[in-house]
Protein backbone atom coordinates (compact mmCIF):
# COMPACT_ATOMS: atom_id res chain seq x y z
CA MET A 1 102.63 150.01 156.30
CA ASN A 2 102.57 151.74 152.94
CA LYS A 3 98.93 151.84 151.95
CA ASN A 4 99.71 153.61 148.65
CA LYS A 5 101.54 150.57 147.12
CA LYS A 6 99.50 149.20 144.22
CA GLY A 7 99.54 145.86 142.35
CA PHE A 8 98.57 145.03 138.79
CA THR A 9 94.98 145.49 137.80
CA LEU A 10 93.05 142.61 136.26
CA VAL A 11 93.17 144.35 132.87
CA GLU A 12 96.94 144.68 133.09
CA LEU A 13 97.33 141.01 134.03
CA LEU A 14 95.13 139.97 131.10
CA ALA A 15 97.19 142.15 128.76
CA VAL A 16 100.40 140.48 129.95
CA ILE A 17 98.85 137.01 129.44
CA VAL A 18 97.74 137.94 125.93
CA ILE A 19 101.21 139.23 125.08
CA LEU A 20 102.82 136.04 126.41
CA ALA A 21 100.35 133.92 124.43
CA VAL A 22 101.20 135.80 121.21
CA ILE A 23 104.90 135.32 121.89
CA LEU A 24 104.35 131.58 122.42
CA ILE A 25 102.28 131.28 119.26
CA ILE A 26 105.11 132.86 117.31
CA ALA A 27 107.93 131.10 119.11
CA ILE A 28 106.68 127.50 119.41
CA PRO A 29 106.61 126.74 115.66
CA GLN A 30 110.08 128.25 115.32
CA ILE A 31 111.32 126.16 118.23
CA MET A 32 109.75 123.01 116.75
CA ASN A 33 111.28 123.75 113.36
CA THR A 34 114.66 124.27 115.01
CA ILE A 35 114.33 120.90 116.77
CA LYS A 36 113.22 119.22 113.54
CA THR A 37 116.11 120.74 111.60
CA ALA A 38 118.55 119.65 114.31
CA LYS A 39 117.24 116.07 114.13
CA LEU A 40 117.49 116.03 110.35
CA LYS A 41 121.03 117.38 110.49
CA SER A 42 122.00 114.86 113.16
CA ILE A 43 120.73 111.78 111.31
CA GLU A 44 122.07 113.18 108.03
CA GLY A 45 125.51 113.47 109.62
CA SER A 46 125.28 109.85 110.80
CA ALA A 47 124.24 108.65 107.36
CA LYS A 48 127.06 110.58 105.65
CA LEU A 49 129.58 109.18 108.13
CA ILE A 50 128.39 105.63 107.40
CA ALA A 51 128.68 106.30 103.66
CA THR A 52 132.19 107.74 104.12
CA ASN A 53 133.26 104.68 106.12
CA ALA A 54 131.68 102.37 103.55
CA ASP A 55 133.59 104.05 100.70
CA LYS A 56 136.84 103.73 102.64
CA ASP A 57 136.09 100.08 103.42
CA PHE A 58 135.58 99.33 99.73
CA LEU A 59 138.93 100.90 98.83
CA SER A 60 140.65 99.06 101.68
CA GLN A 61 139.22 95.73 100.56
CA GLN A 62 140.33 96.39 96.96
CA ALA A 63 143.83 97.26 98.14
CA VAL A 64 144.06 93.79 99.67
CA ASN A 65 142.16 92.00 96.91
CA SER A 66 142.04 93.70 93.49
CA SER A 67 139.11 91.50 92.40
CA TYR A 68 136.95 92.62 95.33
CA ASN A 69 133.62 93.79 93.90
CA ALA A 70 130.99 93.71 96.64
CA THR A 71 127.55 95.08 95.79
CA SER A 72 126.48 95.45 99.42
CA ILE A 73 127.71 95.08 102.99
CA PRO A 74 126.01 95.17 106.41
CA CYS A 75 126.12 98.55 108.13
CA SER A 76 127.57 96.80 111.17
CA ASP A 77 130.80 96.34 109.17
CA VAL A 78 131.50 100.07 109.25
CA ALA A 79 129.36 101.51 112.06
CA LYS A 80 127.93 100.74 115.46
CA LEU A 81 124.28 101.80 115.45
CA SER A 82 122.21 102.67 118.50
CA ASP A 83 118.55 101.89 119.14
CA ASP A 84 117.71 105.27 117.61
CA TYR A 85 117.77 103.57 114.19
CA SER A 86 115.43 100.84 112.97
CA SER A 87 117.32 99.80 109.83
CA CYS A 88 120.39 100.54 107.78
CA SER A 89 121.59 99.25 104.42
CA ILE A 90 124.62 99.85 102.21
CA THR A 91 124.84 99.13 98.49
CA TYR A 92 127.65 99.84 96.05
CA ASP A 93 127.52 100.94 92.44
CA SER A 94 129.96 99.65 89.81
CA ASN A 95 132.53 102.25 90.86
CA GLY A 96 132.45 101.30 94.53
CA VAL A 97 130.49 104.37 95.61
CA SER A 98 128.14 103.51 98.44
CA THR A 99 124.49 104.41 98.84
CA VAL A 100 123.23 104.36 102.42
CA LYS A 101 119.64 104.06 103.55
CA LEU A 102 119.16 104.87 107.24
CA LYS A 103 115.79 104.87 109.02
CA GLY A 104 114.94 106.28 112.43
CA ALA A 105 113.26 103.92 114.89
CA ASN A 106 109.56 104.42 115.51
CA GLY A 107 109.05 106.25 118.79
CA GLY A 108 112.70 107.30 118.95
CA LYS A 109 114.26 110.71 118.49
CA PHE A 110 114.56 110.11 114.73
CA SER A 111 111.11 108.58 114.35
CA GLY A 112 109.66 109.14 110.88
CA ILE A 113 112.98 110.24 109.34
CA THR A 114 114.65 108.36 106.50
CA CYS A 115 117.96 109.25 104.85
CA THR A 116 119.02 107.89 101.47
CA GLY A 117 122.06 108.80 99.39
CA THR A 118 125.82 109.01 99.11
CA LYS A 119 128.29 110.86 101.32
CA ASP A 120 128.15 113.80 98.88
CA ASN A 121 124.42 113.73 98.19
CA MET A 122 122.34 112.65 101.17
CA ASN A 123 118.58 113.29 101.26
CA CYS A 124 116.75 113.10 104.60
CA VAL A 125 113.00 113.50 104.92
CA GLY A 126 110.82 113.53 108.01
CA GLY A 127 107.19 113.29 109.01
CA TYR A 128 106.80 109.69 107.90
CA THR A 129 105.73 106.61 109.81
CA ASP A 130 105.53 102.93 108.94
CA ALA A 131 102.56 102.52 106.57
CA ALA A 132 101.42 99.12 107.84
CA GLU A 133 101.62 100.19 111.47
CA TYR A 134 99.83 103.43 110.66
CA LEU A 135 96.89 101.71 108.93
CA ALA A 136 96.65 99.12 111.66
CA GLY A 137 96.49 101.96 114.17
CA LEU A 138 93.58 103.53 112.29
CA CYS A 139 91.56 100.36 112.75
CA THR A 140 92.77 98.35 115.73
CA GLY A 141 90.15 98.24 118.47
CA THR A 142 87.78 100.61 116.68
CA CYS A 143 86.82 98.95 113.41
CA PRO A 144 83.38 97.37 113.08
CA LYS A 145 83.43 93.73 111.96
CA SER A 146 82.18 93.25 108.41
CA GLU A 147 80.22 90.13 109.31
CA ASP A 148 77.85 92.38 111.25
CA ASN A 149 76.66 93.55 107.80
CA ASP A 150 75.41 96.87 109.14
CA GLY A 151 77.44 99.12 106.82
CA THR A 152 79.00 101.11 109.67
CA VAL A 153 82.64 102.19 109.65
CA ASN A 154 84.88 103.75 112.26
CA GLU A 155 85.83 107.43 112.25
CA ASN A 156 88.57 106.65 109.71
CA GLY A 157 86.17 105.02 107.24
CA MET A 158 87.50 101.52 107.91
CA ILE A 159 86.22 98.07 108.80
CA GLN A 160 87.77 94.72 109.66
CA ASP A 161 86.60 91.85 107.48
CA LYS A 162 85.92 88.33 108.70
CA TYR A 163 89.45 87.29 107.85
CA GLY A 164 91.19 90.01 109.87
CA ASN A 165 92.02 92.39 107.01
CA TYR A 166 91.58 96.13 107.52
CA ARG A 167 89.71 97.82 104.66
CA TYR A 168 88.36 101.18 103.62
CA GLN A 169 84.61 101.13 103.03
CA GLY A 170 81.88 103.55 101.95
CA SER A 171 81.28 106.12 99.26
CA ASP A 172 84.38 108.28 99.72
CA PRO A 173 86.74 107.53 102.64
CA ASN A 174 90.04 109.33 103.08
CA ASN A 175 92.19 106.78 101.28
CA TYR A 176 93.62 108.91 98.47
CA VAL A 177 97.27 108.44 97.60
CA THR A 178 99.75 110.16 95.33
CA PHE A 179 101.69 107.24 93.85
CA ASN A 180 103.66 107.23 90.61
CA ASP A 181 102.73 110.92 90.36
CA GLU A 182 99.11 109.78 89.91
CA THR A 183 96.06 109.37 92.10
CA TRP A 184 95.68 105.90 93.57
CA ARG A 185 93.65 104.69 96.54
CA ILE A 186 94.39 102.36 99.45
CA ILE A 187 92.25 99.21 99.49
CA GLY A 188 93.48 98.20 102.91
CA LEU A 189 96.02 96.24 104.94
CA PHE A 190 96.36 92.50 104.30
CA ASP A 191 98.34 89.51 105.50
CA VAL A 192 100.32 88.54 102.39
CA ASP A 193 102.86 85.75 102.61
CA GLY A 194 103.04 86.19 106.37
CA GLU A 195 103.64 89.95 106.27
CA GLN A 196 101.35 92.94 106.64
CA ARG A 197 101.15 94.61 103.20
CA VAL A 198 99.30 97.71 102.02
CA LYS A 199 97.28 97.15 98.82
CA LEU A 200 96.62 99.95 96.31
CA VAL A 201 94.49 100.35 93.20
CA ARG A 202 94.91 102.99 90.51
CA TYR A 203 92.13 105.59 90.61
CA ASN A 204 91.74 105.81 86.83
CA SER A 205 91.97 103.19 84.11
CA ILE A 206 95.06 102.84 81.94
CA GLY A 207 92.82 101.91 78.99
CA GLY A 208 90.55 99.20 77.64
CA PHE A 209 92.34 95.94 76.89
CA SER A 210 91.68 92.21 76.85
CA TRP A 211 92.19 90.15 79.97
CA ASP A 212 93.23 87.46 77.53
CA SER A 213 92.68 86.58 73.89
CA SER A 214 93.40 83.42 71.93
CA ALA A 215 93.59 81.98 68.43
CA GLU A 216 90.23 81.09 66.91
CA ASN A 217 90.85 77.37 67.36
CA VAL A 218 91.27 77.84 71.14
CA ASN A 219 87.99 78.55 72.95
CA GLY A 220 86.67 80.14 69.78
CA GLY A 221 89.17 83.01 70.05
CA TYR A 222 87.70 84.40 73.27
CA GLY A 223 90.72 83.76 75.48
CA ILE A 224 91.52 81.58 78.49
CA ASN A 225 90.56 82.56 82.04
CA GLN A 226 93.85 81.45 83.56
CA TRP A 227 95.83 84.39 84.98
CA GLY A 228 99.26 82.92 85.71
CA PRO A 229 101.59 80.58 83.82
CA SER A 230 100.64 76.90 83.70
CA GLY A 231 102.82 74.35 81.95
CA THR A 232 103.71 75.71 78.53
CA TYR A 233 101.00 78.38 78.81
CA GLU A 234 102.69 81.70 79.59
CA GLY A 235 99.72 83.25 81.34
CA ALA A 236 97.01 85.74 80.46
CA ASP A 237 97.95 88.45 77.99
CA LEU A 238 97.13 91.19 80.48
CA MET A 239 99.20 89.60 83.24
CA ARG A 240 102.23 89.55 80.97
CA GLU A 241 101.67 93.10 79.71
CA LEU A 242 101.22 94.54 83.20
CA ASN A 243 104.42 92.87 84.37
CA THR A 244 106.56 93.80 81.33
CA ASP A 245 105.58 96.97 79.44
CA TYR A 246 103.86 98.52 82.45
CA LEU A 247 107.01 98.00 84.53
CA ASN A 248 109.38 99.20 81.82
CA SER A 249 110.28 102.64 83.13
CA SER A 250 112.48 103.26 80.09
CA LEU A 251 109.69 102.57 77.59
CA SER A 252 110.22 105.20 74.91
CA ALA A 253 107.17 104.67 72.71
CA ASN A 254 103.57 103.52 72.98
CA THR A 255 103.11 99.78 72.56
CA LEU A 256 100.29 97.55 71.33
CA TRP A 257 98.36 95.36 73.74
CA TYR A 258 95.75 92.68 73.10
CA ASN A 259 92.28 94.16 72.80
CA GLY A 260 89.87 91.76 71.17
CA TYR A 261 88.71 88.51 69.69
CA LYS A 262 91.09 86.04 67.99
CA ASP A 263 94.37 87.48 69.27
CA LYS A 264 93.62 90.99 68.12
CA LYS A 265 96.49 93.21 69.24
CA GLU A 266 95.69 96.77 68.32
CA GLY A 267 95.14 98.48 71.68
CA THR A 268 97.53 101.36 72.34
CA PHE A 269 99.19 101.37 75.73
CA ASN A 270 100.33 104.89 76.60
CA LYS A 271 104.02 104.94 77.60
CA ASN A 272 103.28 107.78 80.04
CA TYR A 273 101.34 105.34 82.23
CA VAL A 274 104.31 103.11 83.10
CA LEU A 275 105.31 102.70 86.73
CA LYS A 276 108.33 104.89 87.35
CA GLU A 277 111.38 103.52 89.11
CA SER A 278 110.51 105.48 92.26
CA ALA A 279 107.13 103.72 92.43
CA GLN A 280 108.55 100.32 91.55
CA ALA A 281 110.97 100.62 94.47
CA LEU A 282 107.94 100.60 96.79
CA ILE A 283 106.22 97.45 95.45
CA GLY A 284 107.20 93.81 95.46
CA ASP A 285 106.19 90.33 94.45
CA ALA A 286 103.16 88.97 96.27
CA THR A 287 101.04 85.85 96.16
CA TRP A 288 97.78 86.58 94.34
CA TYR A 289 94.87 84.14 94.49
CA THR A 290 93.17 83.06 91.29
CA GLY A 291 90.58 80.53 92.39
CA GLY A 292 87.33 80.66 90.42
CA VAL A 293 84.07 82.07 91.76
CA PRO A 294 80.91 80.41 90.41
CA HIS A 295 78.20 82.58 88.87
CA ARG A 296 75.17 80.43 89.67
CA GLY A 297 72.95 81.11 92.69
CA THR A 298 73.63 83.66 95.40
CA ILE A 299 77.02 83.94 97.06
CA LYS A 300 77.85 85.72 100.28
CA LEU A 301 80.65 88.27 100.16
CA GLU A 302 82.72 86.40 102.72
CA ASP A 303 82.27 83.19 100.70
CA ALA A 304 83.46 84.93 97.52
CA TYR A 305 86.65 85.86 99.40
CA ALA A 306 87.14 82.22 100.40
CA LEU A 307 86.41 80.94 96.89
CA GLU A 308 89.04 83.26 95.41
CA ARG A 309 91.49 81.44 97.66
CA GLY A 310 90.01 78.05 96.76
CA THR A 311 90.58 75.53 93.99
CA LEU A 312 87.60 75.85 91.67
CA GLY A 313 88.81 75.87 88.09
CA LYS A 314 87.44 75.28 84.62
CA GLN A 315 83.99 73.69 84.57
CA CYS A 316 82.46 74.01 81.14
CA SER A 317 80.87 72.04 78.31
CA SER A 318 80.50 73.65 74.91
CA SER A 319 82.11 73.68 71.49
CA PHE A 320 84.26 76.57 72.71
CA CYS A 321 85.54 74.65 75.74
CA ASN A 322 88.66 73.15 74.20
CA ASP A 323 91.71 74.78 75.81
CA THR A 324 94.03 72.28 77.48
CA VAL A 325 95.46 74.64 80.10
CA THR A 326 95.45 73.36 83.67
CA ARG A 327 94.02 75.99 85.99
CA THR A 328 96.19 77.11 88.87
CA TYR A 329 95.02 78.95 91.98
CA THR A 330 97.90 81.23 92.94
CA TRP A 331 100.27 83.48 91.04
CA THR A 332 103.32 85.37 92.24
CA GLY A 333 104.02 88.75 90.68
CA LYS A 334 104.07 92.50 91.15
CA VAL A 335 101.06 93.92 89.30
CA GLY A 336 97.59 92.40 89.33
CA LEU A 337 93.98 93.53 89.50
CA ILE A 338 91.46 93.86 92.31
CA TYR A 339 89.63 90.78 93.53
CA LEU A 340 85.90 90.44 93.11
CA SER A 341 85.60 90.58 96.90
CA ASP A 342 87.63 93.82 97.08
CA PHE A 343 84.83 95.57 95.23
CA GLY A 344 82.18 94.08 97.51
CA TYR A 345 83.93 95.04 100.73
CA ALA A 346 84.37 98.63 99.48
CA SER A 347 80.58 99.08 99.54
CA SER A 348 78.68 100.06 102.69
CA ASN A 349 75.40 98.80 101.23
CA THR A 350 74.23 96.17 103.70
CA SER A 351 72.80 94.02 100.91
CA CYS A 352 76.17 93.86 99.15
CA LEU A 353 77.92 93.03 102.42
CA ALA A 354 75.50 90.15 102.97
CA ILE A 355 75.14 88.74 99.45
CA LEU A 356 77.57 89.84 96.75
CA LEU A 357 76.14 87.95 93.78
CA THR A 358 72.46 88.46 92.94
CA SER A 359 70.55 89.97 90.06
CA SER A 360 70.14 93.36 91.75
CA SER A 361 71.43 96.25 89.63
CA ASP A 362 72.38 98.58 92.51
CA LEU A 363 73.42 96.09 95.16
CA CYS A 364 76.90 97.49 95.76
CA ASP A 365 76.39 101.25 95.67
CA SER A 366 77.89 103.60 98.32
CA ASN A 367 81.18 102.24 97.05
CA TRP A 368 84.45 104.20 96.73
CA MET A 369 85.69 101.66 94.17
CA SER A 370 82.82 102.41 91.78
CA TYR A 371 83.97 103.32 88.28
CA PRO A 372 82.08 104.28 85.12
CA GLY A 373 81.72 101.35 82.75
CA TYR A 374 83.13 97.86 83.24
CA VAL A 375 86.36 97.01 85.06
CA TYR A 376 88.14 93.65 84.98
CA THR A 377 88.98 91.84 88.22
CA ILE A 378 91.62 89.14 88.57
CA SER A 379 88.94 86.59 89.51
CA PRO A 380 87.83 84.02 86.90
CA VAL A 381 84.33 82.52 86.64
CA SER A 382 84.57 78.82 87.50
CA ASP A 383 81.24 77.35 86.37
CA TYR A 384 80.09 78.62 83.03
CA THR A 385 79.37 77.23 79.59
CA TYR A 386 82.60 78.80 78.38
CA PRO A 387 86.12 78.68 79.92
CA TYR A 388 86.97 82.29 79.24
CA ASN A 389 84.65 84.33 81.43
CA VAL A 390 86.03 86.68 84.07
CA TRP A 391 84.35 88.71 86.81
CA ILE A 392 83.95 92.43 86.20
CA THR A 393 82.66 95.34 88.26
CA THR A 394 80.49 98.26 87.27
CA LYS A 395 79.45 101.39 89.09
CA LYS A 396 77.06 99.58 91.45
CA TRP A 397 77.15 95.84 90.80
CA VAL A 398 79.25 92.90 89.63
CA GLY A 399 78.93 90.72 86.54
CA HIS A 400 81.05 88.66 84.19
CA THR A 401 82.14 88.75 80.57
CA SER A 402 84.58 87.08 78.19
CA ALA A 403 88.30 87.63 78.63
CA GLU A 404 88.82 89.16 75.18
CA GLY A 405 86.71 92.26 75.84
CA SER A 406 88.30 95.32 74.29
CA THR A 407 86.41 98.04 76.14
CA ILE A 408 86.80 96.73 79.70
CA SER A 409 88.80 99.15 81.86
CA ILE A 410 92.08 98.12 83.47
CA ARG A 411 92.90 99.49 86.92
CA PRO A 412 96.24 98.03 88.10
CA SER A 413 96.64 96.93 91.70
CA VAL A 414 99.85 96.43 93.70
CA TYR A 415 101.09 95.51 97.17
CA LEU A 416 103.65 97.76 98.85
CA ILE A 417 106.72 96.11 100.33
CA PRO A 418 106.99 95.91 104.12
CA GLY A 419 108.62 98.92 105.75
CA VAL A 420 107.29 101.56 103.36
CA GLN A 421 106.75 104.88 105.14
CA ILE A 422 103.62 107.04 104.88
CA LYS A 423 102.55 110.60 105.62
CA GLY A 424 99.53 112.77 104.85
CA SER A 425 95.85 112.56 105.78
CA GLY A 426 94.39 110.71 102.79
CA THR A 427 92.10 113.51 101.66
CA THR A 428 92.02 114.82 98.09
CA ALA A 429 93.69 117.99 99.35
CA ASP A 430 96.33 116.15 101.39
CA PRO A 431 96.71 112.67 99.90
CA TYR A 432 99.02 110.12 101.44
CA VAL A 433 102.52 109.87 100.03
CA PHE A 434 105.03 107.08 100.51
CA ALA A 435 108.77 106.78 100.95
CA GLU A 436 111.14 103.85 101.30
């Protein structure tokens, strides 16, 4: 037996382990990047192949029928897709060039990757996940119920309200978003028209404008607190402006919006605030509720939510109560405002969560939706001497004022379409971003 044979010392073994660890630290990110690049190249190749086949199909169809002018076809017409993909769409431009949108299935090898483009210009991005599923995952099983009124949130700064919606709550949760190349914030996840939709609100105001104004012989010139169209009434001035000028991505000059008593229209809307086409592609029509919330007495937050979805309308008696517009309680459109209850649920103050409407001046503090000055909501006041009052929010409490106010801030709110993808962490340093 050779007694002079030696093994490795403990120091030598530790040195080897350290060296291997360093190698792994260097190698693993490179390996992961290689895998990621391979996945992107693979799905990109599939998307380009689909686009190539779609272009050929268009030419073949035109060869048979010269009047053929399809604007879209199912992907199944030109490709057989595996379970690795969750969705695929093909659209044609006026020249018959196809644009393909191909999404990887959640949990599959292409999870979080979306490709959009033509066969010659295909863009594939990764790291995304379904926004609605992501937000639900932040809350499901861990969110405190808002009816407990204790102001506690889960580790993601979220709660579940009485009606099953998931919401961000507290002074400054991680719900920051870069949207339209601006800072917006996520209000929460809501059941809208039978689908789970993410609701956003713009962080800053786009200016001070009237909710509505009117001629002097209608409600004294102070406007009508009816948001949507009703009969021959075209709807509130602000509703029409937000869903025309604000959505006009080709707006080339500032425009004038209503901003005062007796149909005053001298407020300058900045053309740089319009929603760009890339942002508009992520939003869609939604049903908004416009039931009135009474101002008398005390009202619980959960009751305010129900009243917004109720049928309380104009209840007034004064010389200025002479409009003949029938109040409606829903409106379908793309751009609205926050609800009165949205502001209440954003606060972690237990008093605000219990009773939204009282005379307290700091009832709804600890609220990420707080904003300097007054901000219009979409919610009208139902029982007041005048038929033109609308609920507003301030930094710490709620109140109401006439619809023609010229210095009330406007913070647009939108619902994302189902299927929008999300990535990021929601902090100011790493805000969420969205993709189709």
